[in-house]
Amino acid sequence: MSKILSLPSRIYRFYYEGFKNQGKWSKRLWLIIFIKLIIMFAVLKIFFFPNYLNTNFESDSEKSEHVINELTNSKRTK
């Protein structure tokens, strides 16, 4: 009788078998994709997306007040 696997283990096996059976070029493409993701999320966040709230406001109440004001008083274009 075959053992019924849980959903996470079936998902893991699906991807594991798929990656294991890939050719040389597809593995290189996945490596390029992972490098691009690291660049986008790590490097770009550090240099281009500073923490605006921490640099401009001191307390949590000032930060929350600013966020609420920006969300509720935004100018909508028609």
N, C-alpha and C. Protein backbone atom coordinates (compact mmCIF):
# COMPACT_ATOMS: atom_id res chain seq x y z
N MET A 1 0.85 -1.17 0.00
CA MET A 1 0.00 0.00 0.00
C MET A 1 0.90 1.24 0.00
N SER A 2 0.60 2.19 -0.84
CA SER A 2 1.43 3.39 -0.93
C SER A 2 1.10 4.36 0.20
N LYS A 3 2.13 5.01 0.63
CA LYS A 3 1.99 5.96 1.73
C LYS A 3 1.51 7.30 1.17
N ILE A 4 0.51 7.90 1.77
CA ILE A 4 0.00 9.19 1.33
C ILE A 4 0.86 10.27 1.98
N LEU A 5 1.48 11.10 1.14
CA LEU A 5 2.38 12.15 1.63
C LEU A 5 1.60 13.43 1.90
N SER A 6 2.11 14.20 2.83
CA SER A 6 1.47 15.47 3.13
C SER A 6 1.71 16.44 1.99
N LEU A 7 0.93 17.49 1.93
CA LEU A 7 1.03 18.47 0.84
C LEU A 7 2.40 19.13 0.77
N PRO A 8 2.99 19.60 1.90
CA PRO A 8 4.33 20.19 1.79
C PRO A 8 5.39 19.22 1.26
N SER A 9 5.31 17.96 1.67
CA SER A 9 6.31 17.01 1.18
C SER A 9 6.09 16.70 -0.30
N ARG A 10 4.84 16.68 -0.76
CA ARG A 10 4.60 16.47 -2.19
C ARG A 10 5.11 17.65 -3.02
N ILE A 11 4.92 18.87 -2.51
CA ILE A 11 5.42 20.05 -3.21
C ILE A 11 6.94 20.02 -3.26
N TYR A 12 7.57 19.68 -2.14
CA TYR A 12 9.03 19.60 -2.10
C TYR A 12 9.54 18.56 -3.09
N ARG A 13 8.94 17.38 -3.10
CA ARG A 13 9.38 16.33 -4.02
C ARG A 13 9.18 16.74 -5.47
N PHE A 14 8.10 17.43 -5.77
CA PHE A 14 7.83 17.89 -7.13
C PHE A 14 8.96 18.79 -7.62
N TYR A 15 9.30 19.79 -6.81
CA TYR A 15 10.36 20.71 -7.22
C TYR A 15 11.74 20.05 -7.18
N TYR A 16 12.00 19.20 -6.22
CA TYR A 16 13.29 18.52 -6.12
C TYR A 16 13.53 17.65 -7.36
N GLU A 17 12.54 16.87 -7.72
CA GLU A 17 12.70 16.02 -8.91
C GLU A 17 12.83 16.86 -10.17
N GLY A 18 12.09 17.95 -10.25
CA GLY A 18 12.17 18.81 -11.43
C GLY A 18 13.54 19.45 -11.57
N PHE A 19 14.09 19.96 -10.48
CA PHE A 19 15.41 20.59 -10.54
C PHE A 19 16.51 19.56 -10.76
N LYS A 20 16.34 18.37 -10.22
CA LYS A 20 17.35 17.34 -10.36
C LYS A 20 17.49 16.89 -11.82
N ASN A 21 16.39 16.90 -12.55
CA ASN A 21 16.39 16.40 -13.92
C ASN A 21 16.62 17.49 -14.96
N GLN A 22 16.95 18.70 -14.53
CA GLN A 22 17.19 19.78 -15.48
C GLN A 22 18.55 19.62 -16.13
N GLY A 23 18.66 20.23 -17.30
CA GLY A 23 19.93 20.21 -18.00
C GLY A 23 20.86 21.30 -17.50
N LYS A 24 22.02 21.37 -18.13
CA LYS A 24 23.06 22.31 -17.71
C LYS A 24 22.61 23.76 -17.89
N TRP A 25 21.96 24.06 -19.00
CA TRP A 25 21.58 25.45 -19.29
C TRP A 25 20.48 25.95 -18.37
N SER A 26 19.54 25.11 -18.06
CA SER A 26 18.45 25.56 -17.20
C SER A 26 18.94 25.82 -15.77
N LYS A 27 19.92 25.06 -15.31
CA LYS A 27 20.49 25.33 -13.99
C LYS A 27 21.22 26.67 -13.98
N ARG A 28 21.90 26.99 -15.07
CA ARG A 28 22.56 28.29 -15.17
C ARG A 28 21.54 29.42 -15.18
N LEU A 29 20.42 29.22 -15.85
CA LEU A 29 19.38 30.25 -15.87
C LEU A 29 18.81 30.48 -14.48
N TRP A 30 18.60 29.40 -13.71
CA TRP A 30 18.13 29.57 -12.33
C TRP A 30 19.15 30.31 -11.48
N LEU A 31 20.42 30.06 -11.70
CA LEU A 31 21.47 30.77 -10.98
C LEU A 31 21.41 32.26 -11.30
N ILE A 32 21.21 32.60 -12.55
CA ILE A 32 21.09 34.01 -12.95
C ILE A 32 19.87 34.64 -12.29
N ILE A 33 18.75 33.92 -12.24
CA ILE A 33 17.53 34.44 -11.61
C ILE A 33 17.79 34.71 -10.12
N PHE A 34 18.44 33.81 -9.42
CA PHE A 34 18.71 34.00 -8.00
C PHE A 34 19.66 35.17 -7.76
N ILE A 35 20.65 35.32 -8.61
CA ILE A 35 21.57 36.46 -8.48
C ILE A 35 20.83 37.77 -8.70
N LYS A 36 19.95 37.82 -9.68
CA LYS A 36 19.17 39.03 -9.93
C LYS A 36 18.26 39.35 -8.75
N LEU A 37 17.65 38.34 -8.14
CA LEU A 37 16.79 38.58 -6.98
C LEU A 37 17.59 39.12 -5.81
N ILE A 38 18.78 38.59 -5.59
CA ILE A 38 19.62 39.08 -4.51
C ILE A 38 19.98 40.54 -4.75
N ILE A 39 20.33 40.86 -5.98
CA ILE A 39 20.67 42.25 -6.31
C ILE A 39 19.47 43.16 -6.10
N MET A 40 18.30 42.75 -6.58
CA MET A 40 17.12 43.60 -6.46
C MET A 40 16.72 43.83 -5.00
N PHE A 41 16.68 42.78 -4.21
CA PHE A 41 16.16 42.93 -2.86
C PHE A 41 17.20 43.38 -1.85
N ALA A 42 18.43 43.04 -2.03
CA ALA A 42 19.45 43.40 -1.04
C ALA A 42 20.13 44.71 -1.39
N VAL A 43 20.75 44.76 -2.54
CA VAL A 43 21.56 45.92 -2.91
C VAL A 43 20.69 47.15 -3.16
N LEU A 44 19.64 47.02 -3.94
CA LEU A 44 18.81 48.18 -4.25
C LEU A 44 18.12 48.73 -3.01
N LYS A 45 17.69 47.86 -2.10
CA LYS A 45 17.04 48.34 -0.88
C LYS A 45 18.00 49.16 -0.04
N ILE A 46 19.22 48.72 0.06
CA ILE A 46 20.19 49.42 0.89
C ILE A 46 20.48 50.81 0.34
N PHE A 47 20.69 50.92 -0.97
CA PHE A 47 21.15 52.17 -1.55
C PHE A 47 20.04 53.10 -2.02
N PHE A 48 18.90 52.58 -2.44
CA PHE A 48 17.88 53.42 -3.05
C PHE A 48 16.61 53.58 -2.26
N PHE A 49 16.42 52.83 -1.21
CA PHE A 49 15.20 52.93 -0.42
C PHE A 49 15.53 53.14 1.05
N PRO A 50 15.89 54.37 1.42
CA PRO A 50 16.22 54.63 2.82
C PRO A 50 14.98 54.54 3.71
N ASN A 51 15.20 54.36 4.98
CA ASN A 51 14.09 54.28 5.91
C ASN A 51 13.63 55.70 6.26
N TYR A 52 12.63 56.16 5.53
CA TYR A 52 12.15 57.53 5.64
C TYR A 52 11.60 57.85 7.02
N LEU A 53 10.83 56.94 7.57
CA LEU A 53 10.19 57.22 8.86
C LEU A 53 11.21 57.33 9.99
N ASN A 54 12.20 56.47 10.02
CA ASN A 54 13.19 56.53 11.09
C ASN A 54 14.07 57.76 10.99
N THR A 55 14.31 58.26 9.78
CA THR A 55 15.18 59.43 9.64
C THR A 55 14.44 60.74 9.88
N ASN A 56 13.12 60.77 9.71
CA ASN A 56 12.38 62.03 9.81
C ASN A 56 11.51 62.16 11.06
N PHE A 57 11.27 61.07 11.75
CA PHE A 57 10.39 61.12 12.93
C PHE A 57 11.06 60.39 14.07
N GLU A 58 10.80 60.87 15.28
CA GLU A 58 11.47 60.29 16.45
C GLU A 58 10.65 59.21 17.16
N SER A 59 9.38 59.47 17.38
CA SER A 59 8.58 58.52 18.16
C SER A 59 7.64 57.73 17.26
N ASP A 60 7.13 56.66 17.81
CA ASP A 60 6.19 55.82 17.06
C ASP A 60 4.88 56.56 16.79
N SER A 61 4.49 57.41 17.71
CA SER A 61 3.24 58.15 17.51
C SER A 61 3.38 59.14 16.35
N GLU A 62 4.55 59.79 16.22
CA GLU A 62 4.77 60.70 15.09
C GLU A 62 4.77 59.94 13.76
N LYS A 63 5.38 58.78 13.78
CA LYS A 63 5.42 57.95 12.56
C LYS A 63 4.02 57.52 12.15
N SER A 64 3.25 57.03 13.12
CA SER A 64 1.90 56.57 12.78
C SER A 64 1.01 57.72 12.35
N GLU A 65 1.16 58.88 12.96
CA GLU A 65 0.38 60.04 12.56
C GLU A 65 0.71 60.45 11.12
N HIS A 66 1.97 60.43 10.77
CA HIS A 66 2.37 60.78 9.41
C HIS A 66 1.79 59.80 8.39
N VAL A 67 1.86 58.51 8.70
CA VAL A 67 1.34 57.50 7.78
C VAL A 67 -0.17 57.66 7.61
N ILE A 68 -0.89 57.88 8.70
CA ILE A 68 -2.34 58.06 8.62
C ILE A 68 -2.67 59.30 7.79
N ASN A 69 -1.94 60.38 8.02
CA ASN A 69 -2.19 61.59 7.24
C ASN A 69 -1.92 61.38 5.75
N GLU A 70 -0.87 60.68 5.43
CA GLU A 70 -0.54 60.44 4.03
C GLU A 70 -1.58 59.54 3.36
N LEU A 71 -2.11 58.58 4.10
CA LEU A 71 -3.09 57.69 3.52
C LEU A 71 -4.46 58.34 3.37
N THR A 72 -4.86 59.15 4.33
CA THR A 72 -6.20 59.73 4.30
C THR A 72 -6.27 61.04 3.55
N ASN A 73 -5.17 61.78 3.46
CA ASN A 73 -5.21 63.09 2.80
C ASN A 73 -4.52 63.07 1.45
N SER A 74 -4.46 61.92 0.83
CA SER A 74 -3.81 61.86 -0.47
C SER A 74 -4.69 62.52 -1.52
N LYS A 75 -4.04 63.23 -2.44
CA LYS A 75 -4.78 63.87 -3.52
C LYS A 75 -5.06 62.85 -4.60
N ARG A 76 -6.31 62.74 -4.95
CA ARG A 76 -6.69 61.77 -5.97
C ARG A 76 -6.91 62.48 -7.28
N THR A 77 -6.33 61.95 -8.33
CA THR A 77 -6.51 62.55 -9.65
C THR A 77 -7.75 61.96 -10.29
N LYS A 78 -8.50 62.81 -10.96
CA LYS A 78 -9.75 62.35 -11.60
C LYS A 78 -9.65 62.46 -13.08
